[in-house]
Amino acid sequence: TEKLEEAVMIWIKQIRQVLVESEQMRREA
């Protein structure tokens, strides 16, 4: 369970990063 929780926490961190990046202002020409 502890190992699986560690894996899920890594996924959570990665998914949060994807969500944060998707909401950032786009730099466009």
PDB file of all heavy atoms in Angstrom:
ATOM      1  N   THR A   1       0.836  -1.205   0.000  1.00  0.00           N
ATOM      2  CA  THR A   1       0.000   0.000   0.000  1.00  0.00           C
ATOM      3  C   THR A   1       0.869   1.252   0.000  1.00  0.00           C
ATOM      4  O   THR A   1       0.601   2.206  -0.744  1.00  0.00           O
ATOM      5  CB  THR A   1      -0.944   0.009   1.229  1.00  0.00           C
ATOM      6  OG1 THR A   1      -1.743  -1.173   1.206  1.00  0.00           O
ATOM      7  CG2 THR A   1      -1.841   1.232   1.228  1.00  0.00           C
ATOM      8  N   GLU A   2       1.912   1.249   0.792  1.00  0.00           N
ATOM      9  CA  GLU A   2       2.814   2.398   0.877  1.00  0.00           C
ATOM     10  C   GLU A   2       3.483   2.664  -0.475  1.00  0.00           C
ATOM     11  O   GLU A   2       3.565   3.812  -0.921  1.00  0.00           O
ATOM     12  CB  GLU A   2       3.879   2.124   1.949  1.00  0.00           C
ATOM     13  CG  GLU A   2       4.597   3.372   2.415  1.00  0.00           C
ATOM     14  CD  GLU A   2       5.544   3.064   3.569  1.00  0.00           C
ATOM     15  OE1 GLU A   2       5.067   2.577   4.612  1.00  0.00           O
ATOM     16  OE2 GLU A   2       6.745   3.318   3.401  1.00  0.00           O
ATOM     17  N   LYS A   3       3.939   1.610  -1.135  1.00  0.00           N
ATOM     18  CA  LYS A   3       4.577   1.758  -2.460  1.00  0.00           C
ATOM     19  C   LYS A   3       3.571   2.286  -3.491  1.00  0.00           C
ATOM     20  O   LYS A   3       3.905   3.146  -4.304  1.00  0.00           O
ATOM     21  CB  LYS A   3       5.140   0.410  -2.940  1.00  0.00           C
ATOM     22  CG  LYS A   3       6.309  -0.091  -2.133  1.00  0.00           C
ATOM     23  CD  LYS A   3       7.557   0.676  -2.471  1.00  0.00           C
ATOM     24  CE  LYS A   3       8.747   0.076  -1.756  1.00  0.00           C
ATOM     25  NZ  LYS A   3       9.795   1.035  -1.523  1.00  0.00           N
ATOM     26  N   LEU A   4       2.361   1.760  -3.433  1.00  0.00           N
ATOM     27  CA  LEU A   4       1.333   2.221  -4.366  1.00  0.00           C
ATOM     28  C   LEU A   4       0.971   3.686  -4.099  1.00  0.00           C
ATOM     29  O   LEU A   4       0.760   4.458  -5.033  1.00  0.00           O
ATOM     30  CB  LEU A   4       0.090   1.337  -4.279  1.00  0.00           C
ATOM     31  CG  LEU A   4       0.259  -0.101  -4.774  1.00  0.00           C
ATOM     32  CD1 LEU A   4      -1.031  -0.886  -4.566  1.00  0.00           C
ATOM     33  CD2 LEU A   4       0.691  -0.148  -6.224  1.00  0.00           C
ATOM     34  N   GLU A   5       0.891   4.060  -2.823  1.00  0.00           N
ATOM     35  CA  GLU A   5       0.613   5.465  -2.478  1.00  0.00           C
ATOM     36  C   GLU A   5       1.723   6.378  -2.998  1.00  0.00           C
ATOM     37  O   GLU A   5       1.441   7.477  -3.487  1.00  0.00           O
ATOM     38  CB  GLU A   5       0.464   5.623  -0.965  1.00  0.00           C
ATOM     39  CG  GLU A   5      -0.856   5.128  -0.431  1.00  0.00           C
ATOM     40  CD  GLU A   5      -0.985   5.239   1.077  1.00  0.00           C
ATOM     41  OE1 GLU A   5       0.047   5.239   1.778  1.00  0.00           O
ATOM     42  OE2 GLU A   5      -2.132   5.326   1.543  1.00  0.00           O
ATOM     43  N   GLU A   6       2.951   5.927  -2.898  1.00  0.00           N
ATOM     44  CA  GLU A   6       4.075   6.722  -3.427  1.00  0.00           C
ATOM     45  C   GLU A   6       3.925   6.922  -4.932  1.00  0.00           C
ATOM     46  O   GLU A   6       4.124   8.035  -5.443  1.00  0.00           O
ATOM     47  CB  GLU A   6       5.407   6.035  -3.120  1.00  0.00           C
ATOM     48  CG  GLU A   6       5.830   6.126  -1.668  1.00  0.00           C
ATOM     49  CD  GLU A   6       7.079   5.285  -1.362  1.00  0.00           C
ATOM     50  OE1 GLU A   6       7.801   4.894  -2.312  1.00  0.00           O
ATOM     51  OE2 GLU A   6       7.322   5.030  -0.166  1.00  0.00           O
ATOM     52  N   ALA A   7       3.552   5.854  -5.633  1.00  0.00           N
ATOM     53  CA  ALA A   7       3.346   5.959  -7.088  1.00  0.00           C
ATOM     54  C   ALA A   7       2.216   6.932  -7.409  1.00  0.00           C
ATOM     55  O   ALA A   7       2.351   7.794  -8.290  1.00  0.00           O
ATOM     56  CB  ALA A   7       3.048   4.581  -7.676  1.00  0.00           C
ATOM     57  N   VAL A   8       1.115   6.818  -6.674  1.00  0.00           N
ATOM     58  CA  VAL A   8      -0.031   7.704  -6.904  1.00  0.00           C
ATOM     59  C   VAL A   8       0.344   9.157  -6.600  1.00  0.00           C
ATOM     60  O   VAL A   8      -0.059  10.070  -7.314  1.00  0.00           O
ATOM     61  CB  VAL A   8      -1.269   7.238  -6.095  1.00  0.00           C
ATOM     62  CG1 VAL A   8      -2.374   8.284  -6.117  1.00  0.00           C
ATOM     63  CG2 VAL A   8      -1.779   5.911  -6.635  1.00  0.00           C
ATOM     64  N   MET A   9       1.123   9.380  -5.568  1.00  0.00           N
ATOM     65  CA  MET A   9       1.550  10.753  -5.238  1.00  0.00           C
ATOM     66  C   MET A   9       2.415  11.332  -6.356  1.00  0.00           C
ATOM     67  O   MET A   9       2.316  12.531  -6.669  1.00  0.00           O
ATOM     68  CB  MET A   9       2.292  10.789  -3.897  1.00  0.00           C
ATOM     69  CG  MET A   9       1.383  10.589  -2.681  1.00  0.00           C
ATOM     70  SD  MET A   9      -0.084  11.657  -2.632  1.00  0.00           S
ATOM     71  CE  MET A   9       0.654  13.245  -2.359  1.00  0.00           C
ATOM     72  N   ILE A  10       3.235  10.511  -6.981  1.00  0.00           N
ATOM     73  CA  ILE A  10       4.032  10.976  -8.129  1.00  0.00           C
ATOM     74  C   ILE A  10       3.097  11.341  -9.280  1.00  0.00           C
ATOM     75  O   ILE A  10       3.252  12.386  -9.918  1.00  0.00           O
ATOM     76  CB  ILE A  10       5.059   9.896  -8.552  1.00  0.00           C
ATOM     77  CG1 ILE A  10       6.153   9.778  -7.483  1.00  0.00           C
ATOM     78  CG2 ILE A  10       5.670  10.218  -9.920  1.00  0.00           C
ATOM     79  CD1 ILE A  10       7.071   8.575  -7.649  1.00  0.00           C
ATOM     80  N   TRP A  11       2.092  10.493  -9.538  1.00  0.00           N
ATOM     81  CA  TRP A  11       1.115  10.790 -10.590  1.00  0.00           C
ATOM     82  C   TRP A  11       0.376  12.089 -10.292  1.00  0.00           C
ATOM     83  O   TRP A  11       0.161  12.904 -11.177  1.00  0.00           O
ATOM     84  CB  TRP A  11       0.104   9.663 -10.727  1.00  0.00           C
ATOM     85  CG  TRP A  11       0.659   8.349 -11.169  1.00  0.00           C
ATOM     86  CD1 TRP A  11       1.875   8.120 -11.749  1.00  0.00           C
ATOM     87  CD2 TRP A  11       0.026   7.083 -11.062  1.00  0.00           C
ATOM     88  NE1 TRP A  11       2.027   6.787 -12.001  1.00  0.00           N
ATOM     89  CE2 TRP A  11       0.904   6.116 -11.599  1.00  0.00           C
ATOM     90  CE3 TRP A  11      -1.197   6.652 -10.570  1.00  0.00           C
ATOM     91  CZ2 TRP A  11       0.595   4.767 -11.663  1.00  0.00           C
ATOM     92  CZ3 TRP A  11      -1.507   5.308 -10.630  1.00  0.00           C
ATOM     93  CH2 TRP A  11      -0.620   4.370 -11.174  1.00  0.00           C
ATOM     94  N   ILE A  12      -0.023  12.248  -9.030  1.00  0.00           N
ATOM     95  CA  ILE A  12      -0.750  13.459  -8.627  1.00  0.00           C
ATOM     96  C   ILE A  12       0.103  14.697  -8.908  1.00  0.00           C
ATOM     97  O   ILE A  12      -0.380  15.685  -9.468  1.00  0.00           O
ATOM     98  CB  ILE A  12      -1.168  13.372  -7.139  1.00  0.00           C
ATOM     99  CG1 ILE A  12      -2.317  12.364  -6.978  1.00  0.00           C
ATOM    100  CG2 ILE A  12      -1.562  14.744  -6.589  1.00  0.00           C
ATOM    101  CD1 ILE A  12      -2.667  12.029  -5.531  1.00  0.00           C
ATOM    102  N   LYS A  13       1.363  14.618  -8.549  1.00  0.00           N
ATOM    103  CA  LYS A  13       2.270  15.754  -8.773  1.00  0.00           C
ATOM    104  C   LYS A  13       2.390  16.052 -10.272  1.00  0.00           C
ATOM    105  O   LYS A  13       2.331  17.210 -10.689  1.00  0.00           O
ATOM    106  CB  LYS A  13       3.644  15.434  -8.172  1.00  0.00           C
ATOM    107  CG  LYS A  13       4.623  16.570  -8.229  1.00  0.00           C
ATOM    108  CD  LYS A  13       5.936  16.192  -7.568  1.00  0.00           C
ATOM    109  CE  LYS A  13       6.938  17.327  -7.705  1.00  0.00           C
ATOM    110  NZ  LYS A  13       8.252  16.972  -7.234  1.00  0.00           N
ATOM    111  N   GLN A  14       2.537  15.008 -11.080  1.00  0.00           N
ATOM    112  CA  GLN A  14       2.671  15.187 -12.526  1.00  0.00           C
ATOM    113  C   GLN A  14       1.388  15.743 -13.140  1.00  0.00           C
ATOM    114  O   GLN A  14       1.432  16.634 -13.993  1.00  0.00           O
ATOM    115  CB  GLN A  14       3.041  13.852 -13.188  1.00  0.00           C
ATOM    116  CG  GLN A  14       4.445  13.392 -12.851  1.00  0.00           C
ATOM    117  CD  GLN A  14       4.724  11.963 -13.314  1.00  0.00           C
ATOM    118  OE1 GLN A  14       3.804  11.156 -13.502  1.00  0.00           O
ATOM    119  NE2 GLN A  14       6.006  11.645 -13.494  1.00  0.00           N
ATOM    120  N   ILE A  15       0.255  15.241 -12.703  1.00  0.00           N
ATOM    121  CA  ILE A  15      -1.027  15.708 -13.239  1.00  0.00           C
ATOM    122  C   ILE A  15      -1.260  17.166 -12.843  1.00  0.00           C
ATOM    123  O   ILE A  15      -1.722  17.970 -13.655  1.00  0.00           O
ATOM    124  CB  ILE A  15      -2.183  14.802 -12.774  1.00  0.00           C
ATOM    125  CG1 ILE A  15      -2.064  13.423 -13.440  1.00  0.00           C
ATOM    126  CG2 ILE A  15      -3.542  15.435 -13.087  1.00  0.00           C
ATOM    127  CD1 ILE A  15      -2.997  12.370 -12.879  1.00  0.00           C
ATOM    128  N   ARG A  16      -0.936  17.506 -11.605  1.00  0.00           N
ATOM    129  CA  ARG A  16      -1.071  18.910 -11.177  1.00  0.00           C
ATOM    130  C   ARG A  16      -0.229  19.823 -12.056  1.00  0.00           C
ATOM    131  O   ARG A  16      -0.655  20.913 -12.428  1.00  0.00           O
ATOM    132  CB  ARG A  16      -0.648  19.056  -9.713  1.00  0.00           C
ATOM    133  CG  ARG A  16      -1.740  18.692  -8.765  1.00  0.00           C
ATOM    134  CD  ARG A  16      -1.477  19.246  -7.367  1.00  0.00           C
ATOM    135  NE  ARG A  16      -2.570  18.846  -6.505  1.00  0.00           N
ATOM    136  CZ  ARG A  16      -2.432  18.179  -5.375  1.00  0.00           C
ATOM    137  NH1 ARG A  16      -1.228  17.847  -4.946  1.00  0.00           N
ATOM    138  NH2 ARG A  16      -3.477  17.848  -4.653  1.00  0.00           N
ATOM    139  N   GLN A  17       0.973  19.368 -12.386  1.00  0.00           N
ATOM    140  CA  GLN A  17       1.864  20.159 -13.242  1.00  0.00           C
ATOM    141  C   GLN A  17       1.241  20.364 -14.626  1.00  0.00           C
ATOM    142  O   GLN A  17       1.268  21.465 -15.165  1.00  0.00           O
ATOM    143  CB  GLN A  17       3.231  19.464 -13.364  1.00  0.00           C
ATOM    144  CG  GLN A  17       4.263  20.255 -14.126  1.00  0.00           C
ATOM    145  CD  GLN A  17       4.613  21.570 -13.444  1.00  0.00           C
ATOM    146  OE1 GLN A  17       4.648  21.672 -12.233  1.00  0.00           O
ATOM    147  NE2 GLN A  17       4.863  22.592 -14.242  1.00  0.00           N
ATOM    148  N   VAL A  18       0.651  19.316 -15.181  1.00  0.00           N
ATOM    149  CA  VAL A  18      -0.019  19.419 -16.483  1.00  0.00           C
ATOM    150  C   VAL A  18      -1.163  20.425 -16.405  1.00  0.00           C
ATOM    151  O   VAL A  18      -1.322  21.276 -17.285  1.00  0.00           O
ATOM    152  CB  VAL A  18      -0.530  18.037 -16.958  1.00  0.00           C
ATOM    153  CG1 VAL A  18      -1.458  18.172 -18.150  1.00  0.00           C
ATOM    154  CG2 VAL A  18       0.631  17.117 -17.283  1.00  0.00           C
ATOM    155  N   LEU A  19      -1.948  20.348 -15.339  1.00  0.00           N
ATOM    156  CA  LEU A  19      -3.072  21.279 -15.177  1.00  0.00           C
ATOM    157  C   LEU A  19      -2.589  22.722 -15.018  1.00  0.00           C
ATOM    158  O   LEU A  19      -3.157  23.635 -15.619  1.00  0.00           O
ATOM    159  CB  LEU A  19      -3.935  20.872 -13.977  1.00  0.00           C
ATOM    160  CG  LEU A  19      -4.822  19.654 -14.196  1.00  0.00           C
ATOM    161  CD1 LEU A  19      -5.395  19.162 -12.875  1.00  0.00           C
ATOM    162  CD2 LEU A  19      -5.946  19.975 -15.174  1.00  0.00           C
ATOM    163  N   VAL A  20      -1.552  22.924 -14.236  1.00  0.00           N
ATOM    164  CA  VAL A  20      -1.010  24.276 -14.029  1.00  0.00           C
ATOM    165  C   VAL A  20      -0.497  24.837 -15.353  1.00  0.00           C
ATOM    166  O   VAL A  20      -0.795  25.979 -15.716  1.00  0.00           O
ATOM    167  CB  VAL A  20       0.113  24.262 -12.953  1.00  0.00           C
ATOM    168  CG1 VAL A  20       0.918  25.541 -12.979  1.00  0.00           C
ATOM    169  CG2 VAL A  20      -0.489  24.048 -11.571  1.00  0.00           C
ATOM    170  N   GLU A  21       0.261  24.028 -16.086  1.00  0.00           N
ATOM    171  CA  GLU A  21       0.798  24.483 -17.367  1.00  0.00           C
ATOM    172  C   GLU A  21      -0.308  24.789 -18.368  1.00  0.00           C
ATOM    173  O   GLU A  21      -0.195  25.729 -19.153  1.00  0.00           O
ATOM    174  CB  GLU A  21       1.755  23.440 -17.948  1.00  0.00           C
ATOM    175  CG  GLU A  21       3.073  23.386 -17.204  1.00  0.00           C
ATOM    176  CD  GLU A  21       3.967  22.229 -17.642  1.00  0.00           C
ATOM    177  OE1 GLU A  21       3.646  21.552 -18.647  1.00  0.00           O
ATOM    178  OE2 GLU A  21       4.991  22.004 -16.970  1.00  0.00           O
ATOM    179  N   SER A  22      -1.385  24.027 -18.325  1.00  0.00           N
ATOM    180  CA  SER A  22      -2.473  24.250 -19.277  1.00  0.00           C
ATOM    181  C   SER A  22      -3.213  25.557 -19.001  1.00  0.00           C
ATOM    182  O   SER A  22      -3.834  26.114 -19.907  1.00  0.00           O
ATOM    183  CB  SER A  22      -3.454  23.086 -19.258  1.00  0.00           C
ATOM    184  OG  SER A  22      -4.261  23.117 -18.104  1.00  0.00           O
ATOM    185  N   GLU A  23      -3.145  26.027 -17.781  1.00  0.00           N
ATOM    186  CA  GLU A  23      -3.841  27.269 -17.427  1.00  0.00           C
ATOM    187  C   GLU A  23      -2.965  28.512 -17.549  1.00  0.00           C
ATOM    188  O   GLU A  23      -3.454  29.625 -17.380  1.00  0.00           O
ATOM    189  CB  GLU A  23      -4.400  27.172 -16.006  1.00  0.00           C
ATOM    190  CG  GLU A  23      -5.550  26.185 -15.877  1.00  0.00           C
ATOM    191  CD  GLU A  23      -6.700  26.501 -16.817  1.00  0.00           C
ATOM    192  OE1 GLU A  23      -7.078  27.678 -16.958  1.00  0.00           O
ATOM    193  OE2 GLU A  23      -7.224  25.546 -17.430  1.00  0.00           O
ATOM    194  N   GLN A  24      -1.689  28.329 -17.822  1.00  0.00           N
ATOM    195  CA  GLN A  24      -0.798  29.483 -17.926  1.00  0.00           C
ATOM    196  C   GLN A  24      -1.083  30.256 -19.214  1.00  0.00           C
ATOM    197  O   GLN A  24      -1.569  29.702 -20.196  1.00  0.00           O
ATOM    198  CB  GLN A  24       0.666  29.035 -17.889  1.00  0.00           C
ATOM    199  CG  GLN A  24       1.088  28.567 -16.523  1.00  0.00           C
ATOM    200  CD  GLN A  24       2.517  28.034 -16.512  1.00  0.00           C
ATOM    201  OE1 GLN A  24       3.093  27.744 -17.537  1.00  0.00           O
ATOM    202  NE2 GLN A  24       3.071  27.902 -15.323  1.00  0.00           N
ATOM    203  N   MET A  25      -0.749  31.519 -19.196  1.00  0.00           N
ATOM    204  CA  MET A  25      -0.923  32.368 -20.368  1.00  0.00           C
ATOM    205  C   MET A  25      -0.091  31.825 -21.517  1.00  0.00           C
ATOM    206  O   MET A  25       1.047  31.424 -21.329  1.00  0.00           O
ATOM    207  CB  MET A  25      -0.477  33.802 -20.062  1.00  0.00           C
ATOM    208  CG  MET A  25      -1.466  34.603 -19.253  1.00  0.00           C
ATOM    209  SD  MET A  25      -2.966  34.961 -20.159  1.00  0.00           S
ATOM    210  CE  MET A  25      -2.381  36.161 -21.323  1.00  0.00           C
ATOM    211  N   ARG A  26      -0.670  31.829 -22.694  1.00  0.00           N
ATOM    212  CA  ARG A  26       0.060  31.385 -23.885  1.00  0.00           C
ATOM    213  C   ARG A  26       0.866  32.554 -24.429  1.00  0.00           C
ATOM    214  O   ARG A  26       0.374  33.666 -24.518  1.00  0.00           O
ATOM    215  CB  ARG A  26      -0.919  30.930 -24.961  1.00  0.00           C
ATOM    216  CG  ARG A  26      -1.634  29.667 -24.623  1.00  0.00           C
ATOM    217  CD  ARG A  26      -2.503  29.247 -25.780  1.00  0.00           C
ATOM    218  NE  ARG A  26      -3.823  29.840 -25.625  1.00  0.00           N
ATOM    219  CZ  ARG A  26      -4.719  29.951 -26.583  1.00  0.00           C
ATOM    220  NH1 ARG A  26      -4.459  29.533 -27.778  1.00  0.00           N
ATOM    221  NH2 ARG A  26      -5.898  30.485 -26.340  1.00  0.00           N
ATOM    222  N   ARG A  27       2.085  32.255 -24.808  1.00  0.00           N
ATOM    223  CA  ARG A  27       2.890  33.261 -25.487  1.00  0.00           C
ATOM    224  C   ARG A  27       2.756  33.004 -26.979  1.00  0.00           C
ATOM    225  O   ARG A  27       3.134  31.945 -27.465  1.00  0.00           O
ATOM    226  CB  ARG A  27       4.348  33.160 -25.048  1.00  0.00           C
ATOM    227  CG  ARG A  27       4.564  33.677 -23.637  1.00  0.00           C
ATOM    228  CD  ARG A  27       5.988  33.336 -23.175  1.00  0.00           C
ATOM    229  NE  ARG A  27       6.216  33.509 -21.765  1.00  0.00           N
ATOM    230  CZ  ARG A  27       5.678  32.786 -20.787  1.00  0.00           C
ATOM    231  NH1 ARG A  27       4.809  31.845 -21.071  1.00  0.00           N
ATOM    232  NH2 ARG A  27       5.979  33.001 -19.531  1.00  0.00           N
ATOM    233  N   GLU A  28       2.188  33.977 -27.662  1.00  0.00           N
ATOM    234  CA  GLU A  28       1.930  33.810 -29.087  1.00  0.00           C
ATOM    235  C   GLU A  28       2.460  35.017 -29.849  1.00  0.00           C
ATOM    236  O   GLU A  28       2.585  36.103 -29.302  1.00  0.00           O
ATOM    237  CB  GLU A  28       0.430  33.673 -29.343  1.00  0.00           C
ATOM    238  CG  GLU A  28      -0.190  32.466 -28.669  1.00  0.00           C
ATOM    239  CD  GLU A  28      -1.697  32.435 -28.755  1.00  0.00           C
ATOM    240  OE1 GLU A  28      -2.342  33.491 -28.632  1.00  0.00           O
ATOM    241  OE2 GLU A  28      -2.222  31.337 -28.939  1.00  0.00           O
ATOM    242  N   ALA A  29       2.731  34.794 -31.107  1.00  0.00           N
ATOM    243  CA  ALA A  29       3.166  35.899 -31.959  1.00  0.00           C
ATOM    244  C   ALA A  29       2.046  36.929 -32.040  1.00  0.00           C
ATOM    245  O   ALA A  29       0.865  36.591 -31.934  1.00  0.00           O
ATOM    246  CB  ALA A  29       3.510  35.373 -33.345  1.00  0.00           C
TER     247      ALA A  29
END
